[in-house]
């Protein structure tokens, strides 16, 4: 997979949350990751949410596809609701 992101946003994520987008990109390699279309707003592009495990911790990443490139828009540790959704999903499969 090929990734890209805004370096300033990645640096802000690192400063505020302790990890950058390069680290968060590892969610895409979780074989049990969950992907949903992000329909919260009209962004002018298709956006997706992926939830997956990186080094034992669940992360939530918003991204879009630009051709063959996956562009990370935001990333954070998953909240309790997202952890439950992930756990429910993998227990049902």
PDB file of N, CA and C in Angstrom:
ATOM      1  N   UNK A   1       0.836  -1.181   0.000  1.00  0.00           N
ATOM      2  CA  UNK A   1       0.000   0.000   0.000  1.00  0.00           C
ATOM      3  C   UNK A   1       0.882   1.246   0.000  1.00  0.00           C
ATOM      4  N   UNK A   2       0.392   2.258  -0.671  1.00  0.00           N
ATOM      5  CA  UNK A   2       1.074   3.550  -0.691  1.00  0.00           C
ATOM      6  C   UNK A   2       0.245   4.559   0.088  1.00  0.00           C
ATOM      7  N   UNK A   3       0.905   5.270   0.995  1.00  0.00           N
ATOM      8  CA  UNK A   3       0.227   6.235   1.850  1.00  0.00           C
ATOM      9  C   UNK A   3       0.778   7.635   1.622  1.00  0.00           C
ATOM     10  N   UNK A   4      -0.081   8.613   1.899  1.00  0.00           N
ATOM     11  CA  UNK A   4       0.350  10.004   1.955  1.00  0.00           C
ATOM     12  C   UNK A   4      -0.483  10.703   3.014  1.00  0.00           C
ATOM     13  N   UNK A   5      -0.018  11.877   3.433  1.00  0.00           N
ATOM     14  CA  UNK A   5      -0.723  12.672   4.427  1.00  0.00           C
ATOM     15  C   UNK A   5      -0.121  14.059   4.452  1.00  0.00           C
ATOM     16  N   UNK A   6      -0.807  14.935   5.113  1.00  0.00           N
ATOM     17  CA  UNK A   6      -0.314  16.287   5.352  1.00  0.00           C
ATOM     18  C   UNK A   6       0.690  16.203   6.503  1.00  0.00           C
ATOM     19  N   UNK A   7       1.937  16.573   6.235  1.00  0.00           N
ATOM     20  CA  UNK A   7       2.981  16.459   7.258  1.00  0.00           C
ATOM     21  C   UNK A   7       2.670  17.276   8.510  1.00  0.00           C
ATOM     22  N   UNK A   8       2.090  18.451   8.339  1.00  0.00           N
ATOM     23  CA  UNK A   8       1.754  19.291   9.497  1.00  0.00           C
ATOM     24  C   UNK A   8       0.719  18.587  10.387  1.00  0.00           C
ATOM     25  N   UNK A   9      -0.306  17.980   9.766  1.00  0.00           N
ATOM     26  CA  UNK A   9      -1.326  17.269  10.553  1.00  0.00           C
ATOM     27  C   UNK A   9      -0.717  16.063  11.266  1.00  0.00           C
ATOM     28  N   UNK A  10       0.199  15.372  10.592  1.00  0.00           N
ATOM     29  CA  UNK A  10       0.864  14.228  11.206  1.00  0.00           C
ATOM     30  C   UNK A  10       1.704  14.666  12.403  1.00  0.00           C
ATOM     31  N   UNK A  11       2.424  15.769  12.249  1.00  0.00           N
ATOM     32  CA  UNK A  11       3.235  16.292  13.353  1.00  0.00           C
ATOM     33  C   UNK A  11       2.356  16.740  14.519  1.00  0.00           C
ATOM     34  N   UNK A  12       1.215  17.349  14.214  1.00  0.00           N
ATOM     35  CA  UNK A  12       0.278  17.760  15.261  1.00  0.00           C
ATOM     36  C   UNK A  12      -0.256  16.537  16.000  1.00  0.00           C
ATOM     37  N   UNK A  13      -0.570  15.490  15.262  1.00  0.00           N
ATOM     38  CA  UNK A  13      -1.036  14.239  15.873  1.00  0.00           C
ATOM     39  C   UNK A  13       0.038  13.695  16.816  1.00  0.00           C
ATOM     40  N   UNK A  14       1.282  13.713  16.364  1.00  0.00           N
ATOM     41  CA  UNK A  14       2.365  13.218  17.209  1.00  0.00           C
ATOM     42  C   UNK A  14       2.491  14.048  18.487  1.00  0.00           C
ATOM     43  N   UNK A  15       2.431  15.348  18.333  1.00  0.00           N
ATOM     44  CA  UNK A  15       2.566  16.244  19.489  1.00  0.00           C
ATOM     45  C   UNK A  15       1.401  16.056  20.471  1.00  0.00           C
ATOM     46  N   UNK A  16       0.177  15.932  19.927  1.00  0.00           N
ATOM     47  CA  UNK A  16      -1.011  15.859  20.776  1.00  0.00           C
ATOM     48  C   UNK A  16      -1.321  14.453  21.281  1.00  0.00           C
ATOM     49  N   UNK A  17      -0.977  13.432  20.473  1.00  0.00           N
ATOM     50  CA  UNK A  17      -1.434  12.072  20.788  1.00  0.00           C
ATOM     51  C   UNK A  17      -0.312  11.051  20.948  1.00  0.00           C
ATOM     52  N   UNK A  18       0.914  11.449  20.629  1.00  0.00           N
ATOM     53  CA  UNK A  18       2.045  10.557  20.853  1.00  0.00           C
ATOM     54  C   UNK A  18       2.369   9.609  19.718  1.00  0.00           C
ATOM     55  N   UNK A  19       1.732   9.763  18.576  1.00  0.00           N
ATOM     56  CA  UNK A  19       2.045   8.944  17.400  1.00  0.00           C
ATOM     57  C   UNK A  19       1.763   9.767  16.148  1.00  0.00           C
ATOM     58  N   UNK A  20       2.455   9.424  15.071  1.00  0.00           N
ATOM     59  CA  UNK A  20       2.246  10.140  13.813  1.00  0.00           C
ATOM     60  C   UNK A  20       1.441   9.272  12.842  1.00  0.00           C
ATOM     61  N   UNK A  21       1.156   9.811  11.672  1.00  0.00           N
ATOM     62  CA  UNK A  21       0.340   9.091  10.699  1.00  0.00           C
ATOM     63  C   UNK A  21       1.067   7.866  10.138  1.00  0.00           C
ATOM     64  N   UNK A  22       2.391   7.906  10.061  1.00  0.00           N
ATOM     65  CA  UNK A  22       3.137   6.734   9.592  1.00  0.00           C
ATOM     66  C   UNK A  22       2.881   5.551  10.524  1.00  0.00           C
ATOM     67  N   UNK A  23       2.854   5.802  11.813  1.00  0.00           N
ATOM     68  CA  UNK A  23       2.552   4.755  12.789  1.00  0.00           C
ATOM     69  C   UNK A  23       1.099   4.310  12.656  1.00  0.00           C
ATOM     70  N   UNK A  24       0.186   5.270  12.551  1.00  0.00           N
ATOM     71  CA  UNK A  24      -1.245   4.956  12.450  1.00  0.00           C
ATOM     72  C   UNK A  24      -1.564   4.153  11.197  1.00  0.00           C
ATOM     73  N   UNK A  25      -0.779   4.307  10.142  1.00  0.00           N
ATOM     74  CA  UNK A  25      -1.017   3.574   8.893  1.00  0.00           C
ATOM     75  C   UNK A  25      -0.964   2.066   9.098  1.00  0.00           C
ATOM     76  N   UNK A  26      -0.359   1.623  10.174  1.00  0.00           N
ATOM     77  CA  UNK A  26      -0.283   0.192  10.456  1.00  0.00           C
ATOM     78  C   UNK A  26      -1.645  -0.443  10.700  1.00  0.00           C
ATOM     79  N   UNK A  27      -2.695   0.343  10.948  1.00  0.00           N
ATOM     80  CA  UNK A  27      -4.034  -0.240  11.123  1.00  0.00           C
ATOM     81  C   UNK A  27      -4.458  -0.997   9.873  1.00  0.00           C
ATOM     82  N   UNK A  28      -3.957  -0.585   8.720  1.00  0.00           N
ATOM     83  CA  UNK A  28      -4.346  -1.224   7.466  1.00  0.00           C
ATOM     84  C   UNK A  28      -3.805  -2.648   7.343  1.00  0.00           C
ATOM     85  N   UNK A  29      -2.876  -3.020   8.199  1.00  0.00           N
ATOM     86  CA  UNK A  29      -2.285  -4.347   8.152  1.00  0.00           C
ATOM     87  C   UNK A  29      -2.876  -5.289   9.200  1.00  0.00           C
ATOM     88  N   UNK A  30      -3.870  -4.817   9.941  1.00  0.00           N
ATOM     89  CA  UNK A  30      -4.612  -5.674  10.873  1.00  0.00           C
ATOM     90  C   UNK A  30      -5.590  -6.497  10.040  1.00  0.00           C
ATOM     91  N   UNK A  31      -5.440  -7.794  10.029  1.00  0.00           N
ATOM     92  CA  UNK A  31      -6.309  -8.653   9.212  1.00  0.00           C
ATOM     93  C   UNK A  31      -7.768  -8.591   9.654  1.00  0.00           C
ATOM     94  N   UNK A  32      -8.029  -8.108  10.857  1.00  0.00           N
ATOM     95  CA  UNK A  32      -9.399  -8.010  11.370  1.00  0.00           C
ATOM     96  C   UNK A  32      -9.913  -6.571  11.374  1.00  0.00           C
ATOM     97  N   UNK A  33      -9.226  -5.688  10.659  1.00  0.00           N
ATOM     98  CA  UNK A  33      -9.636  -4.277  10.626  1.00  0.00           C
ATOM     99  C   UNK A  33     -11.071  -4.157  10.126  1.00  0.00           C
ATOM    100  N   UNK A  34     -11.724  -3.087  10.550  1.00  0.00           N
ATOM    101  CA  UNK A  34     -13.101  -2.799  10.139  1.00  0.00           C
ATOM    102  C   UNK A  34     -13.083  -1.487   9.371  1.00  0.00           C
ATOM    103  N   UNK A  35     -13.707  -1.492   8.192  1.00  0.00           N
ATOM    104  CA  UNK A  35     -13.757  -0.292   7.358  1.00  0.00           C
ATOM    105  C   UNK A  35     -15.212   0.074   7.110  1.00  0.00           C
ATOM    106  N   UNK A  36     -15.519   1.361   7.312  1.00  0.00           N
ATOM    107  CA  UNK A  36     -16.852   1.902   7.040  1.00  0.00           C
ATOM    108  C   UNK A  36     -16.701   3.176   6.228  1.00  0.00           C
ATOM    109  N   UNK A  37     -17.686   3.436   5.384  1.00  0.00           N
ATOM    110  CA  UNK A  37     -17.710   4.719   4.698  1.00  0.00           C
ATOM    111  C   UNK A  37     -18.047   5.798   5.721  1.00  0.00           C
ATOM    112  N   UNK A  38     -17.372   6.920   5.636  1.00  0.00           N
ATOM    113  CA  UNK A  38     -17.602   8.046   6.546  1.00  0.00           C
ATOM    114  C   UNK A  38     -18.675   8.937   5.931  1.00  0.00           C
ATOM    115  N   UNK A  39     -19.885   8.844   6.466  1.00  0.00           N
ATOM    116  CA  UNK A  39     -21.022   9.598   5.930  1.00  0.00           C
ATOM    117  C   UNK A  39     -21.470  10.711   6.874  1.00  0.00           C
ATOM    118  N   UNK A  40     -20.601  11.101   7.804  1.00  0.00           N
ATOM    119  CA  UNK A  40     -20.993  12.112   8.790  1.00  0.00           C
ATOM    120  C   UNK A  40     -21.276  13.465   8.148  1.00  0.00           C
ATOM    121  N   UNK A  41     -20.510  13.819   7.130  1.00  0.00           N
ATOM    122  CA  UNK A  41     -20.650  15.111   6.453  1.00  0.00           C
ATOM    123  C   UNK A  41     -20.452  14.911   4.955  1.00  0.00           C
ATOM    124  N   UNK A  42     -20.756  15.937   4.183  1.00  0.00           N
ATOM    125  CA  UNK A  42     -20.452  15.933   2.753  1.00  0.00           C
ATOM    126  C   UNK A  42     -19.080  16.574   2.581  1.00  0.00           C
ATOM    127  N   UNK A  43     -18.080  15.757   2.318  1.00  0.00           N
ATOM    128  CA  UNK A  43     -16.704  16.238   2.255  1.00  0.00           C
ATOM    129  C   UNK A  43     -16.262  16.637   0.848  1.00  0.00           C
ATOM    130  N   UNK A  44     -17.051  16.310  -0.157  1.00  0.00           N
ATOM    131  CA  UNK A  44     -16.629  16.553  -1.524  1.00  0.00           C
ATOM    132  C   UNK A  44     -15.743  15.445  -2.060  1.00  0.00           C
ATOM    133  N   UNK A  45     -15.563  14.397  -1.273  1.00  0.00           N
ATOM    134  CA  UNK A  45     -14.807  13.211  -1.674  1.00  0.00           C
ATOM    135  C   UNK A  45     -15.287  12.053  -0.804  1.00  0.00           C
ATOM    136  N   UNK A  46     -15.101  10.840  -1.267  1.00  0.00           N
ATOM    137  CA  UNK A  46     -15.445   9.677  -0.455  1.00  0.00           C
ATOM    138  C   UNK A  46     -14.402   9.525   0.648  1.00  0.00           C
ATOM    139  N   UNK A  47     -14.881   9.389   1.870  1.00  0.00           N
ATOM    140  CA  UNK A  47     -13.991   9.167   3.006  1.00  0.00           C
ATOM    141  C   UNK A  47     -14.403   7.896   3.725  1.00  0.00           C
ATOM    142  N   UNK A  48     -13.418   7.290   4.354  1.00  0.00           N
ATOM    143  CA  UNK A  48     -13.625   6.021   5.034  1.00  0.00           C
ATOM    144  C   UNK A  48     -13.007   6.076   6.425  1.00  0.00           C
ATOM    145  N   UNK A  49     -13.538   5.216   7.294  1.00  0.00           N
ATOM    146  CA  UNK A  49     -13.019   5.061   8.651  1.00  0.00           C
ATOM    147  C   UNK A  49     -12.525   3.631   8.777  1.00  0.00           C
ATOM    148  N   UNK A  50     -11.330   3.459   9.273  1.00  0.00           N
ATOM    149  CA  UNK A  50     -10.804   2.123   9.532  1.00  0.00           C
ATOM    150  C   UNK A  50     -10.426   2.044  11.004  1.00  0.00           C
ATOM    151  N   UNK A  51     -10.807   0.933  11.623  1.00  0.00           N
ATOM    152  CA  UNK A  51     -10.460   0.666  13.010  1.00  0.00           C
ATOM    153  C   UNK A  51      -9.641  -0.611  13.025  1.00  0.00           C
ATOM    154  N   UNK A  52      -8.486  -0.565  13.664  1.00  0.00           N
ATOM    155  CA  UNK A  52      -7.633  -1.746  13.699  1.00  0.00           C
ATOM    156  C   UNK A  52      -6.598  -1.661  14.805  1.00  0.00           C
ATOM    157  N   UNK A  53      -5.981  -2.806  15.056  1.00  0.00           N
ATOM    158  CA  UNK A  53      -5.006  -2.950  16.131  1.00  0.00           C
ATOM    159  C   UNK A  53      -3.596  -2.638  15.620  1.00  0.00           C
ATOM    160  N   UNK A  54      -2.877  -1.848  16.395  1.00  0.00           N
ATOM    161  CA  UNK A  54      -1.449  -1.608  16.178  1.00  0.00           C
ATOM    162  C   UNK A  54      -0.756  -1.823  17.519  1.00  0.00           C
ATOM    163  N   UNK A  55       0.133  -2.794  17.556  1.00  0.00           N
ATOM    164  CA  UNK A  55       0.884  -3.104  18.777  1.00  0.00           C
ATOM    165  C   UNK A  55      -0.018  -3.213  20.003  1.00  0.00           C
ATOM    166  N   UNK A  56      -1.126  -3.929  19.847  1.00  0.00           N
ATOM    167  CA  UNK A  56      -2.016  -4.211  20.967  1.00  0.00           C
ATOM    168  C   UNK A  56      -2.994  -3.113  21.330  1.00  0.00           C
ATOM    169  N   UNK A  57      -2.983  -2.015  20.594  1.00  0.00           N
ATOM    170  CA  UNK A  57      -3.883  -0.888  20.881  1.00  0.00           C
ATOM    171  C   UNK A  57      -4.765  -0.625  19.669  1.00  0.00           C
ATOM    172  N   UNK A  58      -6.040  -0.308  19.898  1.00  0.00           N
ATOM    173  CA  UNK A  58      -6.982  -0.060  18.813  1.00  0.00           C
ATOM    174  C   UNK A  58      -6.930   1.402  18.390  1.00  0.00           C
ATOM    175  N   UNK A  59      -6.827   1.616  17.070  1.00  0.00           N
ATOM    176  CA  UNK A  59      -6.769   2.964  16.504  1.00  0.00           C
ATOM    177  C   UNK A  59      -7.910   3.177  15.524  1.00  0.00           C
ATOM    178  N   UNK A  60      -8.274   4.441  15.353  1.00  0.00           N
ATOM    179  CA  UNK A  60      -9.349   4.874  14.464  1.00  0.00           C
ATOM    180  C   UNK A  60      -8.736   5.877  13.489  1.00  0.00           C
ATOM    181  N   UNK A  61      -8.803   5.571  12.192  1.00  0.00           N
ATOM    182  CA  UNK A  61      -8.168   6.402  11.170  1.00  0.00           C
ATOM    183  C   UNK A  61      -9.198   6.767  10.108  1.00  0.00           C
ATOM    184  N   UNK A  62      -9.226   8.029   9.718  1.00  0.00           N
ATOM    185  CA  UNK A  62     -10.064   8.497   8.612  1.00  0.00           C
ATOM    186  C   UNK A  62      -9.147   8.704   7.420  1.00  0.00           C
ATOM    187  N   UNK A  63      -9.601   8.233   6.256  1.00  0.00           N
ATOM    188  CA  UNK A  63      -8.767   8.334   5.061  1.00  0.00           C
ATOM    189  C   UNK A  63      -9.626   8.454   3.814  1.00  0.00           C
ATOM    190  N   UNK A  64      -8.979   8.787   2.709  1.00  0.00           N
ATOM    191  CA  UNK A  64      -9.620   8.808   1.402  1.00  0.00           C
ATOM    192  C   UNK A  64      -8.682   8.122   0.418  1.00  0.00           C
ATOM    193  N   UNK A  65      -9.232   7.710  -0.696  1.00  0.00           N
ATOM    194  CA  UNK A  65      -8.422   7.089  -1.745  1.00  0.00           C
ATOM    195  C   UNK A  65      -8.239   8.083  -2.874  1.00  0.00           C
ATOM    196  N   UNK A  66      -7.011   8.226  -3.305  1.00  0.00           N
ATOM    197  CA  UNK A  66      -6.684   9.093  -4.445  1.00  0.00           C
ATOM    198  C   UNK A  66      -5.902   8.240  -5.425  1.00  0.00           C
ATOM    199  N   UNK A  67      -6.649   7.612  -6.328  1.00  0.00           N
ATOM    200  CA  UNK A  67      -6.014   6.657  -7.234  1.00  0.00           C
ATOM    201  C   UNK A  67      -5.521   5.470  -6.432  1.00  0.00           C
ATOM    202  N   UNK A  68      -4.245   5.174  -6.554  1.00  0.00           N
ATOM    203  CA  UNK A  68      -3.634   4.053  -5.828  1.00  0.00           C
ATOM    204  C   UNK A  68      -3.093   4.469  -4.458  1.00  0.00           C
ATOM    205  N   UNK A  69      -3.302   5.724  -4.092  1.00  0.00           N
ATOM    206  CA  UNK A  69      -2.753   6.266  -2.848  1.00  0.00           C
ATOM    207  C   UNK A  69      -3.839   6.328  -1.774  1.00  0.00           C
ATOM    208  N   UNK A  70      -3.502   5.883  -0.575  1.00  0.00           N
ATOM    209  CA  UNK A  70      -4.365   6.030   0.590  1.00  0.00           C
ATOM    210  C   UNK A  70      -3.896   7.268   1.346  1.00  0.00           C
ATOM    211  N   UNK A  71      -4.756   8.283   1.388  1.00  0.00           N
ATOM    212  CA  UNK A  71      -4.397   9.540   2.059  1.00  0.00           C
ATOM    213  C   UNK A  71      -5.031   9.576   3.441  1.00  0.00           C
ATOM    214  N   UNK A  72      -4.195   9.562   4.467  1.00  0.00           N
ATOM    215  CA  UNK A  72      -4.670   9.619   5.843  1.00  0.00           C
ATOM    216  C   UNK A  72      -5.028  11.062   6.181  1.00  0.00           C
ATOM    217  N   UNK A  73      -6.227  11.230   6.726  1.00  0.00           N
ATOM    218  CA  UNK A  73      -6.743  12.555   7.060  1.00  0.00           C
ATOM    219  C   UNK A  73      -6.628  12.824   8.557  1.00  0.00           C
ATOM    220  N   UNK A  74      -6.941  11.822   9.366  1.00  0.00           N
ATOM    221  CA  UNK A  74      -6.828  11.972  10.818  1.00  0.00           C
ATOM    222  C   UNK A  74      -6.650  10.603  11.452  1.00  0.00           C
ATOM    223  N   UNK A  75      -6.137  10.598  12.677  1.00  0.00           N
ATOM    224  CA  UNK A  75      -5.921   9.345  13.400  1.00  0.00           C
ATOM    225  C   UNK A  75      -5.954   9.623  14.896  1.00  0.00           C
ATOM    226  N   UNK A  76      -6.482   8.645  15.620  1.00  0.00           N
ATOM    227  CA  UNK A  76      -6.517   8.745  17.079  1.00  0.00           C
ATOM    228  C   UNK A  76      -6.699   7.351  17.652  1.00  0.00           C
ATOM    229  N   UNK A  77      -6.492   7.219  18.940  1.00  0.00           N
ATOM    230  CA  UNK A  77      -6.803   5.963  19.612  1.00  0.00           C
ATOM    231  C   UNK A  77      -8.316   5.828  19.648  1.00  0.00           C
ATOM    232  N   UNK A  78      -8.805   4.616  19.490  1.00  0.00           N
ATOM    233  CA  UNK A  78     -10.247   4.371  19.471  1.00  0.00           C
ATOM    234  C   UNK A  78     -10.861   4.665  20.834  1.00  0.00           C
ATOM    235  N   UNK A  79     -12.104   5.167  20.804  1.00  0.00           N
ATOM    236  CA  UNK A  79     -12.820   5.410  22.058  1.00  0.00           C
ATOM    237  C   UNK A  79     -13.523   4.122  22.502  1.00  0.00           C
ATOM    238  N   UNK A  80     -14.174   4.161  23.656  1.00  0.00           N
ATOM    239  CA  UNK A  80     -14.798   2.952  24.215  1.00  0.00           C
ATOM    240  C   UNK A  80     -15.865   2.369  23.294  1.00  0.00           C
ATOM    241  N   UNK A  81     -16.656   3.223  22.663  1.00  0.00           N
ATOM    242  CA  UNK A  81     -17.699   2.744  21.747  1.00  0.00           C
ATOM    243  C   UNK A  81     -17.075   2.012  20.560  1.00  0.00           C
ATOM    244  N   UNK A  82     -16.003   2.557  20.014  1.00  0.00           N
ATOM    245  CA  UNK A  82     -15.334   1.936  18.871  1.00  0.00           C
ATOM    246  C   UNK A  82     -14.648   0.633  19.260  1.00  0.00           C
ATOM    247  N   UNK A  83     -14.107   0.583  20.469  1.00  0.00           N
ATOM    248  CA  UNK A  83     -13.510  -0.657  20.964  1.00  0.00           C
ATOM    249  C   UNK A  83     -14.579  -1.736  21.042  1.00  0.00           C
ATOM    250  N   UNK A  84     -15.750  -1.398  21.577  1.00  0.00           N
ATOM    251  CA  UNK A  84     -16.840  -2.375  21.674  1.00  0.00           C
ATOM    252  C   UNK A  84     -17.289  -2.836  20.294  1.00  0.00           C
ATOM    253  N   UNK A  85     -17.439  -1.909  19.347  1.00  0.00           N
ATOM    254  CA  UNK A  85     -17.841  -2.278  17.985  1.00  0.00           C
ATOM    255  C   UNK A  85     -16.828  -3.232  17.362  1.00  0.00           C
ATOM    256  N   UNK A  86     -15.555  -2.955  17.556  1.00  0.00           N
ATOM    257  CA  UNK A  86     -14.500  -3.805  17.010  1.00  0.00           C
ATOM    258  C   UNK A  86     -14.561  -5.194  17.647  1.00  0.00           C
ATOM    259  N   UNK A  87     -14.658  -5.229  18.963  1.00  0.00           N
ATOM    260  CA  UNK A  87     -14.717  -6.513  19.666  1.00  0.00           C
ATOM    261  C   UNK A  87     -15.949  -7.311  19.258  1.00  0.00           C
ATOM    262  N   UNK A  88     -17.101  -6.643  19.128  1.00  0.00           N
ATOM    263  CA  UNK A  88     -18.321  -7.323  18.687  1.00  0.00           C
ATOM    264  C   UNK A  88     -18.153  -7.869  17.276  1.00  0.00           C
ATOM    265  N   UNK A  89     -17.527  -7.099  16.416  1.00  0.00           N
ATOM    266  CA  UNK A  89     -17.342  -7.507  15.027  1.00  0.00           C
ATOM    267  C   UNK A  89     -16.449  -8.739  14.911  1.00  0.00           C
ATOM    268  N   UNK A  90     -15.339  -8.749  15.634  1.00  0.00           N
ATOM    269  CA  UNK A  90     -14.438  -9.894  15.500  1.00  0.00           C
ATOM    270  C   UNK A  90     -14.986 -11.126  16.209  1.00  0.00           C
ATOM    271  N   UNK A  91     -15.827 -10.942  17.231  1.00  0.00           N
ATOM    272  CA  UNK A  91     -16.412 -12.106  17.900  1.00  0.00           C
ATOM    273  C   UNK A  91     -17.536 -12.720  17.072  1.00  0.00           C
ATOM    274  N   UNK A  92     -18.121 -11.941  16.158  1.00  0.00           N
ATOM    275  CA  UNK A  92     -19.187 -12.445  15.293  1.00  0.00           C
ATOM    276  C   UNK A  92     -18.657 -13.088  14.019  1.00  0.00           C
ATOM    277  N   UNK A  93     -17.372 -13.003  13.787  1.00  0.00           N
ATOM    278  CA  UNK A  93     -16.787 -13.586  12.555  1.00  0.00           C
ATOM    279  C   UNK A  93     -16.026 -14.837  12.843  1.00  0.00           C
TER     280      UNK A  93
END
